[in-house]
Amino acid sequence: MLYKIVFTLNLVFLLNINSGAQNFDALIDEGIIDIYSLNFEAAEQKFRTVLRDNPESPSGLFFLSMIDWWKILLDLENESYDRLFFEKMDNIIYICDKILDRDSKNAEALFFKGGAIGFRGRLRGIRESWLKAADDGREALPIVQNVIKIDPNNKDALLGFGIYNYYAAVIPNQYPFIKPLMFFFPDGDKQLGISQLEQVANEGRFAKYEAKYFLMTLYQNYESNPAKSELYAKELTSLFPLNPVFLKWRGRAAVQRNESLLWYEIFNQIDSLCEAKIFGFNERTQREAVYYLGYYFFNLNSHEQSKKYFEKCVELSKILDKKEESGYFVNSMIILGNIFDLEGNRETALSYYQPVLKMKEFNDSRNRAKMFINFPFGSNNQ
């Protein structure tokens, strides 16, 4: 009888532990969905619960910091969150090191330490601090290798490998001045990096959406494969329809594929969401949307519609371009000049071309402006 009572109590205890672990995992899964859906308050509540119930674990702090990461991604030109994000990454690394001092094979501490170093490196890469970014990648690699040795089923750990392998192979070719700096770092492998990212995208748990995001961007930016980028963009926008970052990348892929109707639908949706002031849809996002909408109508010879959007792009650029003119600003000025030339309004056309001569150079913009100053757009002398 006593044996049955003890067995029953043990069973209840084990079930409660398992239930707690499931609740813990469910909170993290739900919180991750909230982050990508930009429901930051809901995500913070969930991750603070994780932190409260598991104060010794670095997981709560790590996932809370991912809210800050997405605040950065929503407006990459805004560096006001950078310092706080770096501080949070350093704090996570410190907490993980304290755990690893007691248990050098603690897979959780190794995983989140590697993740914190990796995300620190990603932000440094975005800010073009290449040597520090590469050094973070070099430091994170052996940590991630240890995670995989201890926990071979942890597919999320491959995210760091995939990112490093891909960018260590690609970035030095894109920026030749970086090549000498990479002499002291492990060689990258582009195809292996893609394969590892695809494995995380298909089999990962915490990092699967981040892997899809990476694949979406690299296929578009470096692989010149907008069709492959569209596959991931379509999946991400289906899951997170109000995430402007994913919507923009899908729109860009449509532009690259010259799928004009889709590109119109996406950027028109973004413009409407910006006008409605939906969270995350800011002026910088709207500027990109109206720029591509202007091109869409220009290609249709709908000059009044095209003019409306390019004028909005110029208006927003005057607000956003604090230090120097953006490509959106410069190109919009030239195309507006083209439209006024086509309408026979030469004086107004020149008022758009002439300022370009003093603006930042984009795709031979000054020479193009000079040509249109000398020869009206659409004339036989071009």
Protein backbone atom coordinates (compact mmCIF):
# COMPACT_ATOMS: atom_id res chain seq x y z
CA MET A 1 0.00 0.00 0.00
CA LEU A 2 2.85 2.39 0.95
CA TYR A 3 4.62 1.54 -2.35
CA LYS A 4 1.46 2.52 -4.30
CA ILE A 5 1.19 5.84 -2.45
CA VAL A 6 4.87 6.68 -3.08
CA PHE A 7 4.54 5.63 -6.76
CA THR A 8 1.44 7.80 -7.18
CA LEU A 9 3.12 10.82 -5.58
CA ASN A 10 6.17 10.40 -7.79
CA LEU A 11 3.98 10.13 -10.88
CA VAL A 12 2.10 13.32 -9.96
CA PHE A 13 5.44 15.08 -9.33
CA LEU A 14 6.81 14.01 -12.71
CA LEU A 15 3.63 15.04 -14.50
CA ASN A 16 3.80 18.46 -12.89
CA ILE A 17 7.44 18.89 -13.97
CA ASN A 18 6.55 17.85 -17.50
CA SER A 19 3.54 20.17 -17.52
CA GLY A 20 5.73 23.03 -16.32
CA ALA A 21 8.27 22.37 -19.07
CA GLN A 22 5.49 22.28 -21.65
CA ASN A 23 4.09 25.58 -20.36
CA PHE A 24 7.60 27.06 -20.42
CA ASP A 25 8.13 25.91 -24.03
CA ALA A 26 4.66 27.07 -25.06
CA LEU A 27 5.26 30.55 -23.64
CA ILE A 28 8.51 30.86 -25.60
CA ASP A 29 6.88 29.61 -28.81
CA GLU A 30 3.96 32.03 -28.41
CA GLY A 31 6.28 34.88 -27.51
CA ILE A 32 8.36 34.32 -30.64
CA ILE A 33 5.20 34.48 -32.77
CA ASP A 34 4.30 37.73 -30.97
CA ILE A 35 7.70 39.25 -31.80
CA TYR A 36 7.43 38.55 -35.53
CA SER A 37 3.83 39.80 -35.42
CA LEU A 38 5.16 42.98 -33.73
CA ASN A 39 2.98 42.35 -30.68
CA PHE A 40 5.85 43.48 -28.46
CA GLU A 41 3.82 44.04 -25.29
CA ALA A 42 2.35 40.54 -25.45
CA ALA A 43 5.80 39.07 -26.14
CA GLU A 44 7.31 40.96 -23.22
CA GLN A 45 4.64 39.68 -20.83
CA LYS A 46 5.33 36.09 -21.86
CA PHE A 47 9.13 36.36 -21.65
CA ARG A 48 8.96 38.16 -18.30
CA THR A 49 6.90 35.21 -17.04
CA VAL A 50 9.59 32.87 -18.33
CA LEU A 51 12.23 35.00 -16.58
CA ARG A 52 10.25 35.12 -13.32
CA ASP A 53 9.61 31.38 -13.25
CA ASN A 54 13.13 30.48 -14.41
CA PRO A 55 15.41 33.21 -12.99
CA GLU A 56 18.54 31.08 -13.33
CA SER A 57 17.98 30.53 -17.05
CA PRO A 58 19.32 33.04 -19.62
CA SER A 59 16.43 32.23 -21.97
CA GLY A 60 14.02 34.87 -20.66
CA LEU A 61 16.60 37.65 -20.99
CA PHE A 62 17.65 36.48 -24.44
CA PHE A 63 14.14 36.44 -25.87
CA LEU A 64 13.33 39.79 -24.23
CA SER A 65 16.33 41.23 -26.08
CA MET A 66 14.88 39.97 -29.37
CA ILE A 67 12.13 42.57 -28.95
CA ASP A 68 14.85 45.23 -29.06
CA TRP A 69 16.38 43.49 -32.08
CA TRP A 70 13.13 43.84 -34.01
CA LYS A 71 12.78 47.46 -32.99
CA ILE A 72 16.15 47.97 -34.69
CA LEU A 73 15.09 46.06 -37.81
CA LEU A 74 11.95 48.17 -38.19
CA ASP A 75 14.09 51.24 -38.80
CA LEU A 76 17.74 50.42 -39.49
CA GLU A 77 18.63 54.09 -39.91
CA ASN A 78 17.68 54.72 -36.27
CA GLU A 79 20.65 53.77 -34.06
CA SER A 80 19.04 54.83 -30.77
CA TYR A 81 18.45 51.21 -29.68
CA ASP A 82 22.00 50.04 -30.46
CA ARG A 83 23.64 50.83 -27.13
CA LEU A 84 20.90 49.17 -25.08
CA PHE A 85 20.98 46.11 -27.34
CA PHE A 86 24.76 45.72 -27.01
CA GLU A 87 24.45 46.07 -23.22
CA LYS A 88 21.80 43.36 -23.11
CA MET A 89 23.93 41.01 -25.23
CA ASP A 90 26.92 41.58 -22.93
CA ASN A 91 24.73 40.92 -19.88
CA ILE A 92 23.47 37.63 -21.34
CA ILE A 93 27.06 36.58 -22.11
CA TYR A 94 28.04 37.42 -18.51
CA ILE A 95 25.16 35.37 -17.04
CA CYS A 96 25.96 32.42 -19.32
CA ASP A 97 29.64 32.57 -18.31
CA LYS A 98 28.65 32.35 -14.62
CA ILE A 99 26.66 29.19 -15.39
CA LEU A 100 29.51 27.77 -17.48
CA ASP A 101 31.98 28.39 -14.64
CA ARG A 102 29.96 25.87 -12.64
CA ASP A 103 29.12 23.56 -15.52
CA SER A 104 31.23 23.93 -18.67
CA LYS A 105 28.95 21.59 -20.62
CA ASN A 106 25.67 23.33 -19.87
CA ALA A 107 24.06 23.21 -23.32
CA GLU A 108 21.52 25.94 -22.57
CA ALA A 109 24.16 28.42 -21.40
CA LEU A 110 26.37 27.61 -24.38
CA PHE A 111 23.44 28.02 -26.78
CA PHE A 112 22.38 31.43 -25.49
CA LYS A 113 25.96 32.67 -25.12
CA GLY A 114 26.61 31.74 -28.74
CA GLY A 115 23.32 33.38 -29.74
CA ALA A 116 24.13 36.61 -27.89
CA ILE A 117 27.58 36.85 -29.47
CA GLY A 118 26.05 36.05 -32.86
CA PHE A 119 23.38 38.76 -32.63
CA ARG A 120 25.96 41.25 -31.39
CA GLY A 121 27.99 40.43 -34.48
CA ARG A 122 24.94 40.81 -36.73
CA LEU A 123 24.31 44.34 -35.51
CA ARG A 124 27.99 45.17 -35.92
CA GLY A 125 27.75 43.87 -39.48
CA ILE A 126 24.69 46.03 -40.17
CA ARG A 127 26.67 49.03 -38.89
CA GLU A 128 29.55 47.93 -41.17
CA SER A 129 31.91 47.33 -38.26
CA TRP A 130 33.23 44.35 -40.20
CA LEU A 131 36.29 43.39 -38.15
CA LYS A 132 34.32 43.30 -34.89
CA ALA A 133 31.48 41.44 -36.61
CA ALA A 134 33.87 38.82 -37.99
CA ASP A 135 35.55 38.51 -34.57
CA ASP A 136 32.14 37.82 -32.99
CA GLY A 137 31.55 35.14 -35.62
CA ARG A 138 34.95 33.57 -34.89
CA GLU A 139 34.23 33.60 -31.13
CA ALA A 140 30.74 32.12 -31.50
CA LEU A 141 31.68 29.21 -33.80
CA PRO A 142 33.41 26.94 -31.23
CA ILE A 143 30.62 27.66 -28.72
CA VAL A 144 28.01 26.53 -31.23
CA GLN A 145 30.13 23.49 -32.08
CA ASN A 146 30.06 22.50 -28.41
CA VAL A 147 26.27 22.87 -28.33
CA ILE A 148 25.92 20.48 -31.27
CA LYS A 149 28.34 17.99 -29.68
CA ILE A 150 26.35 18.01 -26.44
CA ASP A 151 22.93 18.19 -28.12
CA PRO A 152 23.11 16.87 -31.71
CA ASN A 153 19.34 17.37 -32.16
CA ASN A 154 19.57 21.12 -31.62
CA LYS A 155 18.99 22.34 -35.18
CA ASP A 156 18.69 25.97 -34.03
CA ALA A 157 22.42 26.00 -33.27
CA LEU A 158 23.11 25.63 -36.98
CA LEU A 159 21.82 29.17 -37.56
CA GLY A 160 25.13 30.62 -36.37
CA PHE A 161 27.10 28.21 -38.54
CA GLY A 162 24.99 29.01 -41.57
CA ILE A 163 25.26 32.77 -41.17
CA TYR A 164 29.03 32.66 -40.64
CA ASN A 165 29.73 30.21 -43.45
CA TYR A 166 27.68 32.19 -45.93
CA TYR A 167 28.82 35.70 -45.09
CA ALA A 168 32.47 34.79 -44.50
CA ALA A 169 32.48 33.56 -48.10
CA VAL A 170 30.39 36.33 -49.67
CA ILE A 171 31.16 39.59 -47.85
CA PRO A 172 34.91 39.75 -48.70
CA ASN A 173 34.00 39.52 -52.40
CA GLN A 174 31.41 42.26 -52.03
CA TYR A 175 33.79 44.47 -50.05
CA PRO A 176 37.37 43.70 -51.22
CA PHE A 177 38.98 45.90 -48.54
CA ILE A 178 37.76 43.34 -45.97
CA LYS A 179 39.74 40.42 -47.48
CA PRO A 180 43.00 41.18 -45.63
CA LEU A 181 41.07 41.33 -42.35
CA MET A 182 39.68 37.82 -42.90
CA PHE A 183 43.14 36.24 -43.00
CA PHE A 184 42.94 35.32 -39.30
CA PHE A 185 39.38 33.95 -39.45
CA PRO A 186 38.06 30.54 -40.55
CA ASP A 187 37.16 30.28 -44.22
CA GLY A 188 33.50 30.45 -45.16
CA ASP A 189 31.58 28.10 -47.43
CA LYS A 190 28.65 29.68 -49.24
CA GLN A 191 26.84 26.51 -50.27
CA LEU A 192 27.31 24.92 -46.86
CA GLY A 193 25.97 28.07 -45.25
CA ILE A 194 22.84 27.97 -47.42
CA SER A 195 22.38 24.27 -46.65
CA GLN A 196 22.66 24.88 -42.90
CA LEU A 197 20.22 27.80 -43.02
CA GLU A 198 17.74 25.67 -44.99
CA GLN A 199 18.05 22.94 -42.38
CA VAL A 200 17.22 25.41 -39.61
CA ALA A 201 14.33 26.82 -41.67
CA ASN A 202 12.88 23.32 -42.11
CA GLU A 203 13.74 21.66 -38.79
CA GLY A 204 14.52 24.42 -36.31
CA ARG A 205 12.29 25.54 -33.49
CA PHE A 206 13.33 28.88 -32.01
CA ALA A 207 15.32 30.04 -35.05
CA LYS A 208 13.29 28.76 -38.00
CA TYR A 209 11.75 32.14 -38.85
CA GLU A 210 15.09 33.89 -38.52
CA ALA A 211 16.61 31.34 -40.93
CA LYS A 212 13.81 31.96 -43.43
CA TYR A 213 14.42 35.70 -43.09
CA PHE A 214 18.11 35.23 -43.86
CA LEU A 215 17.42 33.02 -46.86
CA MET A 216 14.89 35.53 -48.20
CA THR A 217 17.44 38.36 -48.03
CA LEU A 218 20.51 36.52 -49.28
CA TYR A 219 18.75 35.04 -52.31
CA GLN A 220 17.70 38.56 -53.25
CA ASN A 221 20.79 40.58 -52.31
CA TYR A 222 23.65 38.25 -53.17
CA GLU A 223 22.37 35.29 -55.18
CA SER A 224 20.32 37.25 -57.75
CA ASN A 225 17.54 34.71 -57.31
CA PRO A 226 14.36 36.70 -56.56
CA ALA A 227 12.19 33.66 -57.33
CA LYS A 228 13.79 31.75 -54.44
CA SER A 229 13.54 34.86 -52.25
CA GLU A 230 9.82 35.05 -53.07
CA LEU A 231 9.26 31.51 -51.72
CA TYR A 232 10.43 32.51 -48.27
CA ALA A 233 8.90 35.99 -48.46
CA LYS A 234 5.50 34.55 -49.35
CA GLU A 235 5.65 32.11 -46.45
CA LEU A 236 6.69 34.79 -43.95
CA THR A 237 4.10 37.32 -45.11
CA SER A 238 1.42 34.63 -44.91
CA LEU A 239 2.38 33.90 -41.30
CA PHE A 240 3.00 37.53 -40.32
CA PRO A 241 0.87 39.72 -42.63
CA LEU A 242 1.46 42.92 -40.65
CA ASN A 243 5.24 42.68 -40.51
CA PRO A 244 6.52 45.52 -42.75
CA VAL A 245 10.01 44.06 -43.05
CA PHE A 246 8.74 40.85 -44.64
CA LEU A 247 6.26 42.74 -46.83
CA LYS A 248 9.00 45.04 -48.15
CA TRP A 249 11.27 42.15 -49.07
CA ARG A 250 8.44 40.42 -50.88
CA GLY A 251 7.68 43.61 -52.77
CA ARG A 252 11.33 43.99 -53.76
CA ALA A 253 11.40 40.41 -55.02
CA ALA A 254 8.35 41.17 -57.16
CA VAL A 255 10.10 44.25 -58.58
CA GLN A 256 13.20 42.20 -59.43
CA ARG A 257 11.03 39.60 -61.16
CA ASN A 258 9.10 42.38 -62.92
CA GLU A 259 5.86 40.91 -61.58
CA SER A 260 4.22 44.31 -61.71
CA LEU A 261 0.74 43.51 -60.45
CA LEU A 262 2.08 41.77 -57.34
CA TRP A 263 4.52 44.59 -56.70
CA TYR A 264 1.67 47.09 -56.96
CA GLU A 265 -0.54 45.08 -54.59
CA ILE A 266 2.17 44.73 -51.95
CA PHE A 267 3.41 48.33 -51.97
CA ASN A 268 -0.12 49.71 -52.18
CA GLN A 269 -0.97 47.64 -49.10
CA ILE A 270 2.11 48.98 -47.31
CA ASP A 271 1.23 52.57 -48.24
CA SER A 272 -2.32 52.10 -46.92
CA LEU A 273 -1.04 50.61 -43.65
CA CYS A 274 1.37 53.53 -43.28
CA GLU A 275 -1.46 56.01 -43.85
CA ALA A 276 -3.49 54.15 -41.22
CA LYS A 277 -0.48 54.47 -38.86
CA ILE A 278 -0.38 50.75 -38.09
CA PHE A 279 2.46 50.01 -35.69
CA GLY A 280 5.76 49.39 -37.50
CA PHE A 281 4.67 51.07 -40.72
CA ASN A 282 6.73 54.24 -40.45
CA GLU A 283 7.71 57.08 -42.80
CA ARG A 284 10.80 55.25 -44.05
CA THR A 285 8.67 52.24 -44.96
CA GLN A 286 6.14 54.48 -46.70
CA ARG A 287 8.85 56.23 -48.69
CA GLU A 288 9.98 52.94 -50.20
CA ALA A 289 6.38 51.97 -50.95
CA VAL A 290 5.49 55.21 -52.76
CA TYR A 291 8.77 55.07 -54.70
CA TYR A 292 7.89 51.69 -56.21
CA LEU A 293 4.28 52.72 -56.73
CA GLY A 294 5.57 55.71 -58.67
CA TYR A 295 7.61 53.40 -60.89
CA TYR A 296 4.62 51.11 -61.39
CA PHE A 297 2.48 53.95 -62.77
CA PHE A 298 5.39 55.44 -64.72
CA ASN A 299 5.76 52.13 -66.56
CA LEU A 300 2.03 52.29 -67.37
CA ASN A 301 2.42 55.86 -68.68
CA SER A 302 -0.01 56.99 -65.99
CA HIS A 303 1.89 60.18 -65.40
CA GLU A 304 -0.45 61.91 -62.97
CA GLN A 305 -0.52 58.88 -60.66
CA SER A 306 3.22 58.40 -60.99
CA LYS A 307 3.85 62.08 -60.24
CA LYS A 308 1.71 61.89 -57.09
CA TYR A 309 3.78 59.05 -55.64
CA PHE A 310 7.20 60.42 -56.59
CA GLU A 311 6.27 63.82 -55.13
CA LYS A 312 5.32 62.03 -51.91
CA CYS A 313 8.68 60.25 -52.02
CA VAL A 314 10.49 63.60 -52.34
CA GLU A 315 8.40 65.05 -49.50
CA LEU A 316 9.29 62.15 -47.19
CA SER A 317 12.94 62.23 -48.24
CA LYS A 318 13.22 65.87 -47.21
CA ILE A 319 12.13 64.78 -43.73
CA LEU A 320 14.17 61.56 -43.51
CA ASP A 321 17.46 62.40 -45.24
CA LYS A 322 19.26 64.23 -42.44
CA LYS A 323 22.91 63.83 -43.48
CA GLU A 324 22.83 63.21 -47.23
CA GLU A 325 20.35 62.46 -49.97
CA SER A 326 19.11 58.90 -50.42
CA GLY A 327 18.78 57.06 -53.71
CA TYR A 328 15.01 57.38 -53.32
CA PHE A 329 15.32 61.18 -53.22
CA VAL A 330 17.76 61.50 -56.12
CA ASN A 331 15.98 59.08 -58.47
CA SER A 332 12.57 60.57 -57.71
CA MET A 333 13.84 64.01 -58.66
CA ILE A 334 15.12 62.72 -62.01
CA ILE A 335 11.94 60.81 -62.83
CA LEU A 336 9.74 63.76 -61.90
CA GLY A 337 11.81 65.80 -64.32
CA ASN A 338 11.23 63.09 -66.94
CA ILE A 339 7.47 63.26 -66.40
CA PHE A 340 7.33 67.04 -66.72
CA ASP A 341 9.43 66.78 -69.89
CA LEU A 342 6.95 64.30 -71.34
CA GLU A 343 4.15 66.75 -70.48
CA GLY A 344 6.01 69.53 -72.26
CA ASN A 345 6.66 71.51 -69.07
CA ARG A 346 10.38 72.14 -69.61
CA GLU A 347 10.81 74.81 -66.94
CA THR A 348 9.45 72.58 -64.18
CA ALA A 349 11.49 69.62 -65.50
CA LEU A 350 14.70 71.66 -65.17
CA SER A 351 13.77 72.60 -61.60
CA TYR A 352 13.98 68.89 -60.76
CA TYR A 353 17.13 68.06 -62.76
CA GLN A 354 19.31 70.94 -61.62
CA PRO A 355 19.34 70.18 -57.84
CA VAL A 356 20.51 66.63 -58.62
CA LEU A 357 23.89 68.04 -59.73
CA LYS A 358 24.59 68.93 -56.07
CA MET A 359 23.11 65.78 -54.56
CA LYS A 360 24.88 62.57 -53.66
CA GLU A 361 25.79 60.39 -56.65
CA PHE A 362 23.58 57.34 -57.30
CA ASN A 363 23.93 55.20 -60.43
CA ASP A 364 25.52 57.98 -62.49
CA SER A 365 22.72 60.33 -61.40
CA ARG A 366 24.65 63.56 -62.06
CA ASN A 367 25.51 62.60 -65.62
CA ARG A 368 21.91 61.55 -66.21
CA ALA A 369 20.69 64.89 -64.86
CA LYS A 370 23.18 66.76 -67.10
CA MET A 371 21.98 64.82 -70.12
CA PHE A 372 18.34 65.69 -69.40
CA ILE A 373 19.27 69.34 -68.80
CA ASN A 374 20.85 69.43 -72.25
CA PHE A 375 18.31 67.21 -74.00
CA PRO A 376 14.72 66.87 -72.75
CA PHE A 377 13.65 63.37 -71.77
CA GLY A 378 11.95 61.67 -74.72
CA SER A 379 13.64 63.87 -77.33
CA ASN A 380 15.36 62.41 -80.40
CA ASN A 381 18.76 63.71 -79.24
CA GLN A 382 19.12 61.19 -76.40
